[in-house]
Amino acid sequence: MVGFTEHTPLTSPIRAEIQAMRRGLTLVMENNMSPIEITTESFDVINMLTNNNLLYDDLIVQCRLSMRKQEIIRMKNVFHEQNRVADKIS
């Protein structure tokens, strides 16, 4: 398991979630980890990755490209209380 923290300049919460997803996918590629399961507290991020969103299109496209290069078992939404790993990192 690999985790990270990163300073995010003033931005919207959803943009910060997508940036974190992009950074996580980059770490997966750099460390040759697969297969992977993506979990997030943000249903909106999952929705944007499977559909389109013009406002965040630049980040969404980068995430999709990274995801195509990985063996992703599944992508799922978890409730905040279930995401103990993220809570400990933050």
C-alpha atoms as a PDB file:
ATOM      1  CA  MET A   1       0.000   0.000   0.000  1.00  0.00           C
ATOM      2  CA  VAL A   2       1.282   3.441  -0.924  1.00  0.00           C
ATOM      3  CA  GLY A   3      -0.079   6.735   0.322  1.00  0.00           C
ATOM      4  CA  PHE A   4       0.734  10.366  -0.259  1.00  0.00           C
ATOM      5  CA  THR A   5      -0.026  13.853   0.932  1.00  0.00           C
ATOM      6  CA  GLU A   6       0.143  16.871  -1.273  1.00  0.00           C
ATOM      7  CA  HIS A   7      -0.445  20.589  -0.936  1.00  0.00           C
ATOM      8  CA  THR A   8      -3.353  21.677  -3.105  1.00  0.00           C
ATOM      9  CA  PRO A   9      -3.670  25.389  -3.805  1.00  0.00           C
ATOM     10  CA  LEU A  10      -7.031  27.005  -3.235  1.00  0.00           C
ATOM     11  CA  THR A  11      -9.425  25.006  -5.364  1.00  0.00           C
ATOM     12  CA  SER A  12     -12.792  23.287  -5.237  1.00  0.00           C
ATOM     13  CA  PRO A  13     -13.164  20.052  -3.253  1.00  0.00           C
ATOM     14  CA  ILE A  14     -14.085  18.094  -6.381  1.00  0.00           C
ATOM     15  CA  ARG A  15     -11.000  19.344  -8.272  1.00  0.00           C
ATOM     16  CA  ALA A  16      -8.858  18.344  -5.278  1.00  0.00           C
ATOM     17  CA  GLU A  17     -10.418  14.845  -5.339  1.00  0.00           C
ATOM     18  CA  ILE A  18      -9.707  14.440  -9.061  1.00  0.00           C
ATOM     19  CA  GLN A  19      -6.143  15.725  -8.629  1.00  0.00           C
ATOM     20  CA  ALA A  20      -5.645  13.176  -5.841  1.00  0.00           C
ATOM     21  CA  MET A  21      -6.999  10.450  -8.121  1.00  0.00           C
ATOM     22  CA  ARG A  22      -4.551  11.495 -10.859  1.00  0.00           C
ATOM     23  CA  ARG A  23      -1.643  11.520  -8.383  1.00  0.00           C
ATOM     24  CA  GLY A  24      -2.620   8.096  -7.038  1.00  0.00           C
ATOM     25  CA  LEU A  25      -2.771   6.645 -10.543  1.00  0.00           C
ATOM     26  CA  THR A  26       0.674   8.107 -11.248  1.00  0.00           C
ATOM     27  CA  LEU A  27       2.057   6.407  -8.129  1.00  0.00           C
ATOM     28  CA  VAL A  28       0.520   3.121  -9.245  1.00  0.00           C
ATOM     29  CA  MET A  29       2.288   3.365 -12.609  1.00  0.00           C
ATOM     30  CA  GLU A  30       5.618   4.477 -11.079  1.00  0.00           C
ATOM     31  CA  ASN A  31       5.594   1.549  -8.631  1.00  0.00           C
ATOM     32  CA  ASN A  32       4.313  -1.057 -11.106  1.00  0.00           C
ATOM     33  CA  MET A  33       1.397  -1.996  -8.890  1.00  0.00           C
ATOM     34  CA  SER A  34      -1.441  -4.029 -10.337  1.00  0.00           C
ATOM     35  CA  PRO A  35      -4.116  -5.110 -10.159  1.00  0.00           C
ATOM     36  CA  ILE A  36      -5.641  -2.189  -8.296  1.00  0.00           C
ATOM     37  CA  GLU A  37      -8.971  -1.278  -6.772  1.00  0.00           C
ATOM     38  CA  ILE A  38      -9.901   2.389  -6.698  1.00  0.00           C
ATOM     39  CA  THR A  39     -11.980   3.570  -3.760  1.00  0.00           C
ATOM     40  CA  THR A  40     -13.154   7.111  -3.200  1.00  0.00           C
ATOM     41  CA  GLU A  41     -15.593   8.923  -0.962  1.00  0.00           C
ATOM     42  CA  SER A  42     -16.677  11.010  -3.929  1.00  0.00           C
ATOM     43  CA  PHE A  43     -19.447   9.538  -6.048  1.00  0.00           C
ATOM     44  CA  ASP A  44     -19.045  12.622  -8.250  1.00  0.00           C
ATOM     45  CA  VAL A  45     -15.492  11.596  -9.175  1.00  0.00           C
ATOM     46  CA  ILE A  46     -16.631   8.118 -10.203  1.00  0.00           C
ATOM     47  CA  ASN A  47     -19.456   9.637 -12.213  1.00  0.00           C
ATOM     48  CA  MET A  48     -17.094  12.052 -13.971  1.00  0.00           C
ATOM     49  CA  LEU A  49     -14.641   9.277 -14.816  1.00  0.00           C
ATOM     50  CA  THR A  50     -17.390   7.267 -16.488  1.00  0.00           C
ATOM     51  CA  ASN A  51     -19.158  10.242 -18.086  1.00  0.00           C
ATOM     52  CA  ASN A  52     -18.000  13.682 -19.178  1.00  0.00           C
ATOM     53  CA  ASN A  53     -17.575  16.952 -17.343  1.00  0.00           C
ATOM     54  CA  LEU A  54     -16.271  19.902 -19.318  1.00  0.00           C
ATOM     55  CA  LEU A  55     -15.181  21.868 -16.250  1.00  0.00           C
ATOM     56  CA  TYR A  56     -12.695  19.187 -15.179  1.00  0.00           C
ATOM     57  CA  ASP A  57     -12.062  17.642 -18.585  1.00  0.00           C
ATOM     58  CA  ASP A  58      -8.278  18.161 -18.468  1.00  0.00           C
ATOM     59  CA  LEU A  59      -7.915  16.137 -15.275  1.00  0.00           C
ATOM     60  CA  ILE A  60     -10.529  13.549 -16.241  1.00  0.00           C
ATOM     61  CA  VAL A  61      -8.760  12.801 -19.532  1.00  0.00           C
ATOM     62  CA  GLN A  62      -5.420  12.359 -17.720  1.00  0.00           C
ATOM     63  CA  CYS A  63      -7.022   9.963 -15.213  1.00  0.00           C
ATOM     64  CA  ARG A  64      -8.709   7.955 -17.961  1.00  0.00           C
ATOM     65  CA  LEU A  65      -5.436   7.607 -19.875  1.00  0.00           C
ATOM     66  CA  SER A  66      -3.675   6.366 -16.744  1.00  0.00           C
ATOM     67  CA  MET A  67      -6.530   3.969 -15.983  1.00  0.00           C
ATOM     68  CA  ARG A  68      -6.313   2.435 -19.466  1.00  0.00           C
ATOM     69  CA  LYS A  69      -2.680   1.528 -18.777  1.00  0.00           C
ATOM     70  CA  GLN A  70      -3.517  -0.234 -15.502  1.00  0.00           C
ATOM     71  CA  GLU A  71      -5.261  -3.425 -14.543  1.00  0.00           C
ATOM     72  CA  ILE A  72      -8.151  -2.009 -12.562  1.00  0.00           C
ATOM     73  CA  ILE A  73     -10.302  -4.596 -10.837  1.00  0.00           C
ATOM     74  CA  ARG A  74     -13.022  -2.160  -9.909  1.00  0.00           C
ATOM     75  CA  MET A  75     -13.816   1.380  -8.929  1.00  0.00           C
ATOM     76  CA  LYS A  76     -16.156   1.915  -6.012  1.00  0.00           C
ATOM     77  CA  ASN A  77     -17.593   4.542  -3.735  1.00  0.00           C
ATOM     78  CA  VAL A  78     -17.089   4.187   0.017  1.00  0.00           C
ATOM     79  CA  PHE A  79     -18.601   6.133   2.850  1.00  0.00           C
ATOM     80  CA  HIS A  80     -16.323   8.407   4.858  1.00  0.00           C
ATOM     81  CA  GLU A  81     -16.483   6.097   7.882  1.00  0.00           C
ATOM     82  CA  GLN A  82     -15.200   3.179   5.767  1.00  0.00           C
ATOM     83  CA  ASN A  83     -12.202   5.092   4.440  1.00  0.00           C
ATOM     84  CA  ARG A  84      -9.935   4.701   7.476  1.00  0.00           C
ATOM     85  CA  VAL A  85      -6.711   4.741   5.458  1.00  0.00           C
ATOM     86  CA  ALA A  86      -7.430   8.203   4.041  1.00  0.00           C
ATOM     87  CA  ASP A  87      -8.442   9.434   7.483  1.00  0.00           C
ATOM     88  CA  LYS A  88      -5.129   8.336   9.003  1.00  0.00           C
ATOM     89  CA  ILE A  89      -3.108   9.965   6.231  1.00  0.00           C
ATOM     90  CA  SER A  90      -4.922  13.323   6.423  1.00  0.00           C
END
